[in-house]
Amino acid sequence: MQNLPNAPKPKLHVFVCVNDRTQRRPGMPSCAPSITMETVKQVKYWIMQQGLTHKVLITKTGCLGICPKNGAVLVIYPMQRWVTEIKSADDIVSVIKEELKKLK
């Protein structure tokens, strides 16, 4: 195993659940279709447009273990902030902006 000394060290790492169990377990809460892989792509594009790629890393994930009845869930590290009921790319961007303000 080798460490990558020049790897980016973002200030925020945002994990967004895109788990979709609507087909396998109808009626069970699921982060998708509220938040999808395409939604995460939109936020990645916003991060790039804002010049924040060195500060913010976003990763789509499977189930994070918390299934809100409405919307999706995300967690931000290193803050360990959990946010539920995320319903759009704008919601994710809003949370990122809040956390970036706290870093100043």
N, C-alpha and C. Protein backbone atom coordinates (compact mmCIF):
# COMPACT_ATOMS: atom_id res chain seq x y z
N MET A 1 0.84 -1.16 0.00
CA MET A 1 0.00 0.00 0.00
C MET A 1 0.90 1.24 0.00
N GLN A 2 0.49 2.24 -0.78
CA GLN A 2 1.32 3.44 -0.90
C GLN A 2 0.47 4.68 -0.65
N ASN A 3 0.98 5.59 0.16
CA ASN A 3 0.33 6.88 0.36
C ASN A 3 0.60 7.76 -0.84
N LEU A 4 -0.36 8.60 -1.16
CA LEU A 4 -0.19 9.56 -2.25
C LEU A 4 0.01 10.94 -1.65
N PRO A 5 1.24 11.37 -1.49
CA PRO A 5 1.52 12.63 -0.81
C PRO A 5 0.96 13.85 -1.53
N ASN A 6 0.79 13.78 -2.84
CA ASN A 6 0.29 14.93 -3.60
C ASN A 6 -1.22 14.86 -3.84
N ALA A 7 -1.88 13.88 -3.24
CA ALA A 7 -3.33 13.76 -3.42
C ALA A 7 -4.03 14.96 -2.79
N PRO A 8 -5.13 15.39 -3.39
CA PRO A 8 -5.85 16.53 -2.82
C PRO A 8 -6.36 16.22 -1.42
N LYS A 9 -6.36 17.22 -0.58
CA LYS A 9 -6.87 17.08 0.79
C LYS A 9 -8.01 18.07 0.96
N PRO A 10 -9.22 17.67 0.57
CA PRO A 10 -10.35 18.59 0.62
C PRO A 10 -10.71 18.97 2.06
N LYS A 11 -11.31 20.13 2.20
CA LYS A 11 -11.80 20.59 3.51
C LYS A 11 -13.10 19.88 3.87
N LEU A 12 -13.89 19.55 2.83
CA LEU A 12 -15.18 18.88 3.03
C LEU A 12 -15.23 17.65 2.13
N HIS A 13 -15.73 16.57 2.68
CA HIS A 13 -16.03 15.38 1.87
C HIS A 13 -17.50 15.08 2.11
N VAL A 14 -18.30 15.20 1.06
CA VAL A 14 -19.74 15.04 1.13
C VAL A 14 -20.12 13.68 0.54
N PHE A 15 -20.75 12.86 1.36
CA PHE A 15 -21.23 11.56 0.92
C PHE A 15 -22.75 11.66 0.75
N VAL A 16 -23.24 11.38 -0.45
CA VAL A 16 -24.67 11.51 -0.74
C VAL A 16 -25.24 10.15 -1.11
N CYS A 17 -26.26 9.74 -0.39
CA CYS A 17 -26.91 8.46 -0.67
C CYS A 17 -27.75 8.57 -1.94
N VAL A 18 -27.53 7.63 -2.86
CA VAL A 18 -28.35 7.54 -4.07
C VAL A 18 -29.01 6.15 -4.15
N ASN A 19 -29.11 5.49 -3.00
CA ASN A 19 -29.67 4.14 -2.94
C ASN A 19 -31.13 4.15 -3.40
N ASP A 20 -31.46 3.23 -4.29
CA ASP A 20 -32.83 3.13 -4.81
C ASP A 20 -33.36 1.72 -4.57
N ARG A 21 -34.29 1.61 -3.64
CA ARG A 21 -34.88 0.30 -3.40
C ARG A 21 -36.35 0.26 -3.80
N THR A 22 -36.76 1.22 -4.65
CA THR A 22 -38.17 1.29 -5.06
C THR A 22 -38.61 0.06 -5.82
N GLN A 23 -37.71 -0.57 -6.59
CA GLN A 23 -38.08 -1.77 -7.34
C GLN A 23 -38.04 -3.02 -6.47
N ARG A 24 -37.04 -3.10 -5.60
CA ARG A 24 -36.86 -4.31 -4.79
C ARG A 24 -37.80 -4.36 -3.60
N ARG A 25 -38.04 -3.19 -2.98
CA ARG A 25 -38.85 -3.16 -1.76
C ARG A 25 -39.81 -1.98 -1.81
N PRO A 26 -40.85 -2.07 -2.63
CA PRO A 26 -41.80 -0.96 -2.76
C PRO A 26 -42.38 -0.56 -1.40
N GLY A 27 -42.50 0.74 -1.20
CA GLY A 27 -43.04 1.26 0.05
C GLY A 27 -42.00 1.51 1.11
N MET A 28 -40.82 0.95 0.96
CA MET A 28 -39.73 1.17 1.92
C MET A 28 -39.05 2.50 1.58
N PRO A 29 -38.72 3.31 2.59
CA PRO A 29 -38.03 4.58 2.30
C PRO A 29 -36.75 4.34 1.50
N SER A 30 -36.46 5.29 0.62
CA SER A 30 -35.31 5.18 -0.27
C SER A 30 -34.86 6.58 -0.65
N CYS A 31 -33.56 6.81 -0.66
CA CYS A 31 -33.05 8.15 -0.99
C CYS A 31 -33.30 8.51 -2.45
N ALA A 32 -33.17 7.54 -3.34
CA ALA A 32 -33.58 7.77 -4.73
C ALA A 32 -35.05 7.37 -4.78
N PRO A 33 -35.84 7.98 -5.55
CA PRO A 33 -35.53 8.84 -6.67
C PRO A 33 -35.36 10.33 -6.33
N SER A 34 -35.44 10.72 -5.06
CA SER A 34 -35.25 12.15 -4.72
C SER A 34 -33.90 12.64 -5.17
N ILE A 35 -32.86 11.88 -4.86
CA ILE A 35 -31.49 12.21 -5.26
C ILE A 35 -30.97 11.05 -6.08
N THR A 36 -30.44 11.36 -7.25
CA THR A 36 -29.95 10.34 -8.16
C THR A 36 -28.47 10.58 -8.48
N MET A 37 -27.90 9.67 -9.23
CA MET A 37 -26.51 9.86 -9.67
C MET A 37 -26.39 11.13 -10.51
N GLU A 38 -27.42 11.44 -11.29
CA GLU A 38 -27.42 12.66 -12.10
C GLU A 38 -27.40 13.91 -11.21
N THR A 39 -28.11 13.86 -10.10
CA THR A 39 -28.11 14.99 -9.16
C THR A 39 -26.70 15.23 -8.64
N VAL A 40 -26.01 14.16 -8.28
CA VAL A 40 -24.64 14.28 -7.78
C VAL A 40 -23.73 14.85 -8.88
N LYS A 41 -23.94 14.44 -10.12
CA LYS A 41 -23.17 15.00 -11.24
C LYS A 41 -23.39 16.50 -11.35
N GLN A 42 -24.63 16.94 -11.16
CA GLN A 42 -24.94 18.38 -11.21
C GLN A 42 -24.18 19.13 -10.13
N VAL A 43 -24.12 18.57 -8.93
CA VAL A 43 -23.40 19.23 -7.84
C VAL A 43 -21.89 19.22 -8.12
N LYS A 44 -21.37 18.13 -8.65
CA LYS A 44 -19.95 18.09 -9.02
C LYS A 44 -19.63 19.18 -10.04
N TYR A 45 -20.52 19.37 -10.99
CA TYR A 45 -20.32 20.42 -12.00
C TYR A 45 -20.33 21.79 -11.33
N TRP A 46 -21.25 22.02 -10.39
CA TRP A 46 -21.30 23.30 -9.66
C TRP A 46 -19.99 23.51 -8.90
N ILE A 47 -19.50 22.46 -8.23
CA ILE A 47 -18.24 22.56 -7.49
C ILE A 47 -17.11 22.98 -8.43
N MET A 48 -17.07 22.37 -9.62
CA MET A 48 -16.05 22.71 -10.60
C MET A 48 -16.19 24.15 -11.06
N GLN A 49 -17.42 24.59 -11.37
CA GLN A 49 -17.66 25.96 -11.82
C GLN A 49 -17.23 26.99 -10.79
N GLN A 50 -17.39 26.65 -9.51
CA GLN A 50 -17.06 27.57 -8.43
C GLN A 50 -15.57 27.55 -8.08
N GLY A 51 -14.82 26.68 -8.71
CA GLY A 51 -13.39 26.57 -8.41
C GLY A 51 -13.12 25.95 -7.05
N LEU A 52 -14.00 25.06 -6.62
CA LEU A 52 -13.90 24.46 -5.29
C LEU A 52 -13.37 23.03 -5.30
N THR A 53 -12.87 22.57 -6.42
CA THR A 53 -12.45 21.17 -6.51
C THR A 53 -11.34 20.82 -5.53
N HIS A 54 -10.57 21.81 -5.10
CA HIS A 54 -9.51 21.55 -4.11
C HIS A 54 -10.03 21.59 -2.68
N LYS A 55 -11.28 22.07 -2.49
CA LYS A 55 -11.85 22.19 -1.14
C LYS A 55 -12.96 21.19 -0.86
N VAL A 56 -13.71 20.81 -1.90
CA VAL A 56 -14.91 19.98 -1.70
C VAL A 56 -14.84 18.75 -2.58
N LEU A 57 -15.01 17.59 -1.95
CA LEU A 57 -15.10 16.33 -2.66
C LEU A 57 -16.49 15.76 -2.39
N ILE A 58 -17.16 15.31 -3.43
CA ILE A 58 -18.49 14.73 -3.26
C ILE A 58 -18.48 13.32 -3.82
N THR A 59 -19.07 12.41 -3.06
CA THR A 59 -19.09 11.00 -3.44
C THR A 59 -20.50 10.46 -3.30
N LYS A 60 -20.98 9.79 -4.34
CA LYS A 60 -22.29 9.13 -4.24
C LYS A 60 -22.09 7.80 -3.55
N THR A 61 -23.03 7.43 -2.71
CA THR A 61 -22.91 6.19 -1.95
C THR A 61 -24.20 5.38 -2.04
N GLY A 62 -24.10 4.16 -1.58
CA GLY A 62 -25.28 3.35 -1.34
C GLY A 62 -25.85 3.76 0.01
N CYS A 63 -26.62 2.91 0.60
CA CYS A 63 -27.31 3.23 1.85
C CYS A 63 -26.33 3.63 2.95
N LEU A 64 -26.65 4.75 3.60
CA LEU A 64 -25.86 5.23 4.74
C LEU A 64 -26.48 4.80 6.07
N GLY A 65 -27.59 4.07 6.01
CA GLY A 65 -28.19 3.53 7.22
C GLY A 65 -29.32 4.35 7.81
N ILE A 66 -29.54 5.54 7.30
CA ILE A 66 -30.66 6.38 7.75
C ILE A 66 -31.53 6.62 6.53
N CYS A 67 -32.78 6.25 6.61
CA CYS A 67 -33.68 6.37 5.46
C CYS A 67 -34.83 7.32 5.81
N PRO A 68 -34.71 8.61 5.43
CA PRO A 68 -35.80 9.53 5.73
C PRO A 68 -37.04 9.19 4.91
N LYS A 69 -38.20 9.55 5.44
CA LYS A 69 -39.44 9.28 4.71
C LYS A 69 -39.54 10.13 3.45
N ASN A 70 -38.94 11.32 3.50
CA ASN A 70 -38.94 12.22 2.34
C ASN A 70 -37.52 12.64 2.04
N GLY A 71 -37.15 12.56 0.78
CA GLY A 71 -35.83 13.02 0.38
C GLY A 71 -34.74 12.01 0.67
N ALA A 72 -33.52 12.53 0.68
CA ALA A 72 -32.33 11.68 0.84
C ALA A 72 -31.52 12.14 2.04
N VAL A 73 -30.42 11.44 2.27
CA VAL A 73 -29.52 11.77 3.38
C VAL A 73 -28.12 11.99 2.84
N LEU A 74 -27.39 12.88 3.50
CA LEU A 74 -25.98 13.07 3.19
C LEU A 74 -25.24 13.27 4.49
N VAL A 75 -23.93 13.03 4.44
CA VAL A 75 -23.08 13.26 5.60
C VAL A 75 -21.82 13.97 5.12
N ILE A 76 -21.38 14.93 5.92
CA ILE A 76 -20.20 15.72 5.58
C ILE A 76 -19.10 15.45 6.60
N TYR A 77 -17.95 15.10 6.08
CA TYR A 77 -16.76 14.90 6.92
C TYR A 77 -15.75 15.98 6.61
N PRO A 78 -14.97 16.39 7.57
CA PRO A 78 -14.75 15.79 8.88
C PRO A 78 -15.75 16.23 9.94
N MET A 79 -16.72 17.05 9.59
CA MET A 79 -17.66 17.60 10.57
C MET A 79 -18.59 16.54 11.16
N GLN A 80 -18.78 15.44 10.44
CA GLN A 80 -19.72 14.40 10.82
C GLN A 80 -21.13 14.95 10.93
N ARG A 81 -21.46 15.86 10.03
CA ARG A 81 -22.80 16.46 10.00
C ARG A 81 -23.69 15.62 9.08
N TRP A 82 -24.78 15.14 9.63
CA TRP A 82 -25.78 14.37 8.89
C TRP A 82 -26.95 15.28 8.56
N VAL A 83 -27.40 15.24 7.32
CA VAL A 83 -28.53 16.06 6.89
C VAL A 83 -29.52 15.15 6.17
N THR A 84 -30.77 15.22 6.57
CA THR A 84 -31.81 14.39 5.95
C THR A 84 -32.78 15.27 5.18
N GLU A 85 -33.65 14.60 4.44
CA GLU A 85 -34.70 15.24 3.64
C GLU A 85 -34.13 16.15 2.55
N ILE A 86 -32.99 15.75 1.99
CA ILE A 86 -32.40 16.43 0.85
C ILE A 86 -33.23 16.05 -0.38
N LYS A 87 -33.68 17.07 -1.12
CA LYS A 87 -34.58 16.79 -2.24
C LYS A 87 -34.09 17.27 -3.59
N SER A 88 -32.94 17.96 -3.62
CA SER A 88 -32.47 18.49 -4.90
C SER A 88 -31.00 18.83 -4.84
N ALA A 89 -30.44 19.10 -6.02
CA ALA A 89 -29.05 19.56 -6.09
C ALA A 89 -28.90 20.87 -5.33
N ASP A 90 -29.91 21.73 -5.41
CA ASP A 90 -29.86 23.00 -4.68
C ASP A 90 -29.75 22.80 -3.17
N ASP A 91 -30.43 21.78 -2.65
CA ASP A 91 -30.32 21.47 -1.22
C ASP A 91 -28.89 21.09 -0.86
N ILE A 92 -28.27 20.27 -1.69
CA ILE A 92 -26.90 19.84 -1.43
C ILE A 92 -25.96 21.04 -1.49
N VAL A 93 -26.12 21.86 -2.51
CA VAL A 93 -25.29 23.07 -2.66
C VAL A 93 -25.44 23.98 -1.45
N SER A 94 -26.66 24.13 -0.97
CA SER A 94 -26.93 24.97 0.20
C SER A 94 -26.17 24.46 1.43
N VAL A 95 -26.18 23.16 1.66
CA VAL A 95 -25.46 22.57 2.79
C VAL A 95 -23.95 22.79 2.64
N ILE A 96 -23.44 22.60 1.44
CA ILE A 96 -22.01 22.82 1.19
C ILE A 96 -21.65 24.27 1.47
N LYS A 97 -22.46 25.21 1.00
CA LYS A 97 -22.19 26.63 1.24
C LYS A 97 -22.17 26.94 2.74
N GLU A 98 -23.11 26.37 3.49
CA GLU A 98 -23.15 26.57 4.95
C GLU A 98 -21.85 26.11 5.60
N GLU A 99 -21.39 24.94 5.21
CA GLU A 99 -20.17 24.39 5.81
C GLU A 99 -18.93 25.19 5.40
N LEU A 100 -18.90 25.65 4.16
CA LEU A 100 -17.75 26.45 3.72
C LEU A 100 -17.68 27.78 4.48
N LYS A 101 -18.83 28.37 4.78
CA LYS A 101 -18.85 29.63 5.56
C LYS A 101 -18.25 29.40 6.94
N LYS A 102 -18.51 28.26 7.53
CA LYS A 102 -18.00 27.95 8.86
C LYS A 102 -16.47 27.81 8.86
N LEU A 103 -15.89 27.50 7.72
CA LEU A 103 -14.45 27.31 7.63
C LEU A 103 -13.67 28.61 7.56
N LYS A 104 -14.35 29.69 7.27
CA LYS A 104 -13.65 30.99 7.10
C LYS A 104 -13.28 31.61 8.41
